[in-house]
Protein backbone atom coordinates (compact mmCIF):
# COMPACT_ATOMS: atom_id res chain seq x y z
CA MET A 1 -4.98 55.03 -7.08
CA ILE A 2 -3.37 55.77 -10.47
CA LYS A 3 0.09 54.52 -8.91
CA LEU A 4 -1.37 51.30 -7.93
CA ASN A 5 -2.82 50.73 -11.22
CA LEU A 6 0.25 51.52 -13.01
CA LEU A 7 2.20 49.15 -10.54
CA LEU A 8 -0.18 46.39 -11.13
CA PHE A 9 0.18 47.02 -14.88
CA VAL A 10 3.96 46.90 -14.91
CA ILE A 11 3.73 43.56 -12.70
CA LEU A 12 1.17 42.32 -15.20
CA ILE A 13 3.35 42.90 -18.14
CA ILE A 14 6.44 41.30 -16.29
CA PHE A 15 4.63 38.06 -15.54
CA ALA A 16 3.30 38.03 -19.22
CA LEU A 17 6.71 38.43 -20.30
CA LEU A 18 8.09 35.52 -18.09
CA LYS A 19 5.15 33.24 -19.09
CA VAL A 20 5.98 33.97 -22.68
CA ASN A 21 9.62 33.17 -22.00
CA SER A 22 8.66 29.83 -20.08
CA GLU A 23 6.54 28.52 -22.96
CA HIS A 24 9.39 29.30 -25.30
CA LEU A 25 11.89 27.28 -22.88
CA TYR A 26 9.38 24.45 -22.79
CA ARG A 27 8.82 24.24 -26.48
CA LYS A 28 12.68 24.61 -27.10
CA ASN A 29 13.19 21.69 -24.30
CA PHE A 30 10.77 19.40 -25.67
CA SER A 31 12.12 19.67 -29.14
CA GLN A 32 15.61 19.12 -27.90
CA LEU A 33 14.15 15.98 -25.85
CA ASP A 34 12.58 14.53 -28.98
CA SER A 35 15.67 14.91 -31.18
CA GLU A 36 17.63 13.19 -28.37
CA GLN A 37 15.11 10.63 -28.02
CA LYS A 38 15.45 9.71 -32.03
CA ARG A 39 19.13 10.01 -31.55
CA GLU A 40 19.13 7.37 -28.78
CA ILE A 41 16.81 4.97 -31.25
CA GLU A 42 19.47 5.65 -33.93
CA LEU A 43 22.43 4.74 -31.65
CA LYS A 44 20.40 1.57 -30.31
CA GLU A 45 19.83 0.39 -33.90
CA GLU A 46 23.63 0.89 -34.63
CA GLN A 47 24.57 -0.87 -31.62
CA THR A 48 22.38 -4.02 -32.56
CA LYS A 49 24.06 -3.79 -35.88
CA LEU A 50 27.58 -3.80 -34.72
CA GLU A 51 26.98 -6.34 -32.13
CA LEU A 52 25.88 -8.83 -34.87
CA GLU A 53 28.59 -7.91 -37.00
CA ASN A 54 30.79 -8.68 -34.33
CA THR A 55 29.22 -11.92 -33.48
CA ASP A 56 29.36 -12.91 -37.12
CA GLN A 57 33.06 -12.07 -37.15
CA SER A 58 33.84 -13.70 -34.00
CA GLY A 59 32.19 -17.09 -35.58
CA SER A 60 34.15 -16.75 -38.55
CA LYS A 61 37.28 -16.25 -36.70
CA ARG A 62 36.43 -19.27 -34.27
CA ILE A 63 35.90 -21.62 -37.35
CA GLU A 64 39.24 -20.37 -38.97
CA GLU A 65 41.25 -20.94 -35.55
CA PHE A 66 39.35 -24.52 -35.50
CA ALA A 67 40.47 -25.23 -38.73
CA LYS A 68 43.94 -23.81 -38.64
CA ASN A 69 44.90 -25.53 -34.76
CA LYS A 70 42.74 -28.39 -34.69
CA LEU A 71 42.49 -29.85 -38.23
CA ASN A 72 46.10 -28.45 -39.25
CA MET A 73 44.46 -27.11 -42.44
CA ILE A 74 46.53 -24.02 -44.17
CA GLU A 75 45.06 -21.19 -46.45
CA ALA A 76 44.99 -21.91 -50.01
CA ASN A 77 47.67 -20.57 -52.04
CA PRO A 78 46.36 -19.20 -55.62
CA ASP A 79 49.02 -21.35 -57.43
CA ASN A 80 47.52 -24.83 -55.76
CA ILE A 81 43.90 -23.93 -57.01
CA ILE A 82 42.28 -25.84 -59.78
CA GLN A 83 39.30 -24.75 -61.44
CA LEU A 84 37.09 -27.44 -63.04
CA GLU A 85 35.40 -26.28 -66.28
CA ASN A 86 31.55 -27.34 -66.08
CA LYS A 87 30.49 -29.40 -69.47
C-alpha cells in the first residue's frame, strides 16, 4: 500500500510540474503573440505611410514629366530668376 501511495505521489508531482510548465509556455506564447500583433500594427501603419509618400511622389513626378514633355518647359536656372521686392 505504501508503494502504491508513493507511486501515486510521484505521478502527482510529475503532473503538477507538467501543468506548471504548460502554464509557463502558455503565458510566454501569449506574450509573444501580443508583441507580434503590436509589431503587425506598426508595420501596417508604416506601409500606409509609405504608400501615401509613394502616391505623393508619383503625382509630383507625373506633373514634372507632363511639364517637360507636353509643355516643353525647362527647370529654372538660378541665374535666370528675378526676385521682385514688395513695397
